[in-house]
Amino acid sequence: SAENQHENREATMKKIGGAMGGLAAIAKGEKEYDAEVVKTSLTTIKEQIAVFPTFFPPGSEKDDEEASPKIWENKADFEAKAAKLGADADALLAQLPADKAAVGAAMGTLGQDCAACHESYRIKKN
């Protein structure tokens, strides 16, 4: 239904944000490199972004101060941007970043995907 999609969107983005945070801690050297953490983080991003576009059904435009109306005007592009993040996370899972530097490079790729979508489709709350 179009009701309460805001909560689904927020929960999904919190999980993706947490996964990005786990990768960032390794990339910055705050945490030791841990292949399991890298794998779990990338898996979370891949799985969560796959369902994310389903939380924007027609009629749910008014749910959310952060979701731009452009999402519904450019649904195919919005879905393509989400799919790119999923595909990049999947490729990184297939060739797991093996050290701190590789995790940093992976963060660069994923961060660009996140930014590309947020710049177009997210309204920043004050």
C-alpha atoms as a PDB file:
ATOM      1  CA  SER A   1       0.000   0.000   0.000  1.00  0.00           C
ATOM      2  CA  ALA A   2       1.004   3.623  -0.322  1.00  0.00           C
ATOM      3  CA  GLU A   3       0.672   4.096   3.460  1.00  0.00           C
ATOM      4  CA  ASN A   4       3.630   4.427   5.800  1.00  0.00           C
ATOM      5  CA  GLN A   5       6.276   3.913   3.134  1.00  0.00           C
ATOM      6  CA  HIS A   6       8.319   6.587   4.894  1.00  0.00           C
ATOM      7  CA  GLU A   7       9.165   4.120   7.690  1.00  0.00           C
ATOM      8  CA  ASN A   8      10.251   1.447   5.198  1.00  0.00           C
ATOM      9  CA  ARG A   9      12.424   3.935   3.330  1.00  0.00           C
ATOM     10  CA  GLU A  10      14.016   5.225   6.509  1.00  0.00           C
ATOM     11  CA  ALA A  11      14.700   1.737   7.912  1.00  0.00           C
ATOM     12  CA  THR A  12      16.310   0.661   4.630  1.00  0.00           C
ATOM     13  CA  MET A  13      18.527   3.745   4.438  1.00  0.00           C
ATOM     14  CA  LYS A  14      19.554   3.290   8.096  1.00  0.00           C
ATOM     15  CA  LYS A  15      20.722  -0.248   7.274  1.00  0.00           C
ATOM     16  CA  ILE A  16      22.620   0.966   4.205  1.00  0.00           C
ATOM     17  CA  GLY A  17      24.125   3.811   6.236  1.00  0.00           C
ATOM     18  CA  GLY A  18      25.205   1.380   8.936  1.00  0.00           C
ATOM     19  CA  ALA A  19      26.834  -0.861   6.336  1.00  0.00           C
ATOM     20  CA  MET A  20      28.650   2.120   4.790  1.00  0.00           C
ATOM     21  CA  GLY A  21      29.777   3.081   8.298  1.00  0.00           C
ATOM     22  CA  GLY A  22      31.249  -0.380   8.819  1.00  0.00           C
ATOM     23  CA  LEU A  23      33.221  -0.053   5.595  1.00  0.00           C
ATOM     24  CA  ALA A  24      34.297   3.498   6.443  1.00  0.00           C
ATOM     25  CA  ALA A  25      35.709   2.422   9.825  1.00  0.00           C
ATOM     26  CA  ILE A  26      37.988  -0.057   8.024  1.00  0.00           C
ATOM     27  CA  ALA A  27      38.899   2.409   5.265  1.00  0.00           C
ATOM     28  CA  LYS A  28      39.858   5.053   7.867  1.00  0.00           C
ATOM     29  CA  GLY A  29      41.828   2.548   9.948  1.00  0.00           C
ATOM     30  CA  GLU A  30      39.518   2.921  12.964  1.00  0.00           C
ATOM     31  CA  LYS A  31      38.894  -0.837  12.779  1.00  0.00           C
ATOM     32  CA  GLU A  32      41.136  -3.649  11.592  1.00  0.00           C
ATOM     33  CA  TYR A  33      40.422  -5.107   8.155  1.00  0.00           C
ATOM     34  CA  ASP A  34      37.896  -7.923   8.559  1.00  0.00           C
ATOM     35  CA  ALA A  35      36.710  -9.799   5.471  1.00  0.00           C
ATOM     36  CA  GLU A  36      33.499 -10.874   7.238  1.00  0.00           C
ATOM     37  CA  VAL A  37      32.567  -7.272   8.061  1.00  0.00           C
ATOM     38  CA  VAL A  38      33.287  -6.235   4.459  1.00  0.00           C
ATOM     39  CA  LYS A  39      31.214  -9.115   3.092  1.00  0.00           C
ATOM     40  CA  THR A  40      28.300  -8.502   5.480  1.00  0.00           C
ATOM     41  CA  SER A  41      28.314  -4.755   4.757  1.00  0.00           C
ATOM     42  CA  LEU A  42      28.309  -5.244   0.982  1.00  0.00           C
ATOM     43  CA  THR A  43      25.594  -7.904   1.242  1.00  0.00           C
ATOM     44  CA  THR A  44      23.417  -5.552   3.312  1.00  0.00           C
ATOM     45  CA  ILE A  45      23.836  -2.763   0.746  1.00  0.00           C
ATOM     46  CA  LYS A  46      23.035  -5.108  -2.151  1.00  0.00           C
ATOM     47  CA  GLU A  47      19.948  -6.610  -0.480  1.00  0.00           C
ATOM     48  CA  GLN A  48      18.553  -3.358   0.924  1.00  0.00           C
ATOM     49  CA  ILE A  49      18.936  -1.292  -2.263  1.00  0.00           C
ATOM     50  CA  ALA A  50      17.190  -4.068  -4.213  1.00  0.00           C
ATOM     51  CA  VAL A  51      13.963  -3.552  -2.227  1.00  0.00           C
ATOM     52  CA  PHE A  52      14.323   0.214  -1.771  1.00  0.00           C
ATOM     53  CA  PRO A  53      12.583   1.306  -5.022  1.00  0.00           C
ATOM     54  CA  THR A  54       9.516  -0.797  -4.117  1.00  0.00           C
ATOM     55  CA  PHE A  55       8.829   1.642  -1.273  1.00  0.00           C
ATOM     56  CA  PHE A  56       7.855   4.393  -3.733  1.00  0.00           C
ATOM     57  CA  PRO A  57       4.542   3.163  -5.173  1.00  0.00           C
ATOM     58  CA  PRO A  58       2.241   5.556  -7.037  1.00  0.00           C
ATOM     59  CA  GLY A  59       0.311   7.589  -4.503  1.00  0.00           C
ATOM     60  CA  SER A  60       3.064   7.627  -1.876  1.00  0.00           C
ATOM     61  CA  GLU A  61       4.414  11.021  -2.992  1.00  0.00           C
ATOM     62  CA  LYS A  62       3.097  12.800   0.088  1.00  0.00           C
ATOM     63  CA  ASP A  63       4.585  10.380   2.612  1.00  0.00           C
ATOM     64  CA  ASP A  64       7.917  11.919   2.980  1.00  0.00           C
ATOM     65  CA  GLU A  65       9.600  15.317   3.222  1.00  0.00           C
ATOM     66  CA  GLU A  66      12.886  13.862   1.992  1.00  0.00           C
ATOM     67  CA  ALA A  67      11.627  12.115  -1.142  1.00  0.00           C
ATOM     68  CA  SER A  68      11.616  14.458  -4.119  1.00  0.00           C
ATOM     69  CA  PRO A  69       8.571  14.439  -6.451  1.00  0.00           C
ATOM     70  CA  LYS A  70      11.154  13.845  -9.217  1.00  0.00           C
ATOM     71  CA  ILE A  71      11.278  10.186  -8.108  1.00  0.00           C
ATOM     72  CA  TRP A  72       7.803   9.606  -9.514  1.00  0.00           C
ATOM     73  CA  GLU A  73       8.468  11.769 -12.594  1.00  0.00           C
ATOM     74  CA  ASN A  74      11.689   9.896 -13.420  1.00  0.00           C
ATOM     75  CA  LYS A  75      10.937   6.466 -11.979  1.00  0.00           C
ATOM     76  CA  ALA A  76      13.065   4.563 -14.512  1.00  0.00           C
ATOM     77  CA  ASP A  77      16.132   6.716 -13.773  1.00  0.00           C
ATOM     78  CA  PHE A  78      15.556   6.425 -10.015  1.00  0.00           C
ATOM     79  CA  GLU A  79      15.356   2.640 -10.339  1.00  0.00           C
ATOM     80  CA  ALA A  80      18.452   2.588 -12.577  1.00  0.00           C
ATOM     81  CA  LYS A  81      20.466   4.531  -9.984  1.00  0.00           C
ATOM     82  CA  ALA A  82      19.402   2.080  -7.265  1.00  0.00           C
ATOM     83  CA  ALA A  83      20.255  -0.833  -9.559  1.00  0.00           C
ATOM     84  CA  LYS A  84      23.742   0.599 -10.186  1.00  0.00           C
ATOM     85  CA  LEU A  85      24.485   0.652  -6.446  1.00  0.00           C
ATOM     86  CA  GLY A  86      23.262  -2.952  -6.208  1.00  0.00           C
ATOM     87  CA  ALA A  87      25.349  -4.043  -9.187  1.00  0.00           C
ATOM     88  CA  ASP A  88      28.474  -2.328  -7.841  1.00  0.00           C
ATOM     89  CA  ALA A  89      28.003  -3.938  -4.408  1.00  0.00           C
ATOM     90  CA  ASP A  90      27.515  -7.300  -6.146  1.00  0.00           C
ATOM     91  CA  ALA A  91      30.714  -6.874  -8.186  1.00  0.00           C
ATOM     92  CA  LEU A  92      32.621  -6.019  -5.001  1.00  0.00           C
ATOM     93  CA  LEU A  93      31.246  -9.141  -3.329  1.00  0.00           C
ATOM     94  CA  ALA A  94      32.476 -11.224  -6.260  1.00  0.00           C
ATOM     95  CA  GLN A  95      35.966  -9.693  -5.968  1.00  0.00           C
ATOM     96  CA  LEU A  96      36.041  -8.894  -2.241  1.00  0.00           C
ATOM     97  CA  PRO A  97      38.202  -5.887  -1.306  1.00  0.00           C
ATOM     98  CA  ALA A  98      41.139  -7.596   0.423  1.00  0.00           C
ATOM     99  CA  ASP A  99      42.680  -4.788   2.476  1.00  0.00           C
ATOM    100  CA  LYS A 100      42.138  -1.305   3.905  1.00  0.00           C
ATOM    101  CA  ALA A 101      43.087   0.457   0.633  1.00  0.00           C
ATOM    102  CA  ALA A 102      40.736  -1.702  -1.425  1.00  0.00           C
ATOM    103  CA  VAL A 103      37.901  -1.000   1.008  1.00  0.00           C
ATOM    104  CA  GLY A 104      38.630   2.728   0.595  1.00  0.00           C
ATOM    105  CA  ALA A 105      38.423   2.393  -3.182  1.00  0.00           C
ATOM    106  CA  ALA A 106      35.159   0.442  -2.843  1.00  0.00           C
ATOM    107  CA  MET A 107      33.765   3.215  -0.641  1.00  0.00           C
ATOM    108  CA  GLY A 108      34.592   5.703  -3.412  1.00  0.00           C
ATOM    109  CA  THR A 109      32.574   3.716  -5.951  1.00  0.00           C
ATOM    110  CA  LEU A 110      29.612   3.141  -3.648  1.00  0.00           C
ATOM    111  CA  GLY A 111      29.696   6.712  -2.352  1.00  0.00           C
ATOM    112  CA  GLN A 112      29.426   8.067  -5.902  1.00  0.00           C
ATOM    113  CA  ASP A 113      26.365   5.854  -6.479  1.00  0.00           C
ATOM    114  CA  CYS A 114      24.767   7.116  -3.271  1.00  0.00           C
ATOM    115  CA  ALA A 115      25.544  10.740  -4.107  1.00  0.00           C
ATOM    116  CA  ALA A 116      24.229  10.448  -7.676  1.00  0.00           C
ATOM    117  CA  CYS A 117      20.828   9.391  -6.366  1.00  0.00           C
ATOM    118  CA  HIS A 118      20.706  11.704  -3.346  1.00  0.00           C
ATOM    119  CA  GLU A 119      21.594  14.770  -5.433  1.00  0.00           C
ATOM    120  CA  SER A 120      18.691  14.107  -7.797  1.00  0.00           C
ATOM    121  CA  TYR A 121      16.060  12.582  -5.562  1.00  0.00           C
ATOM    122  CA  ARG A 122      16.610  13.493  -1.935  1.00  0.00           C
ATOM    123  CA  ILE A 123      15.428  16.733  -0.354  1.00  0.00           C
ATOM    124  CA  LYS A 124      17.666  17.687   2.556  1.00  0.00           C
ATOM    125  CA  LYS A 125      15.731  18.504   5.712  1.00  0.00           C
ATOM    126  CA  ASN A 126      16.943  21.544   7.633  1.00  0.00           C
END
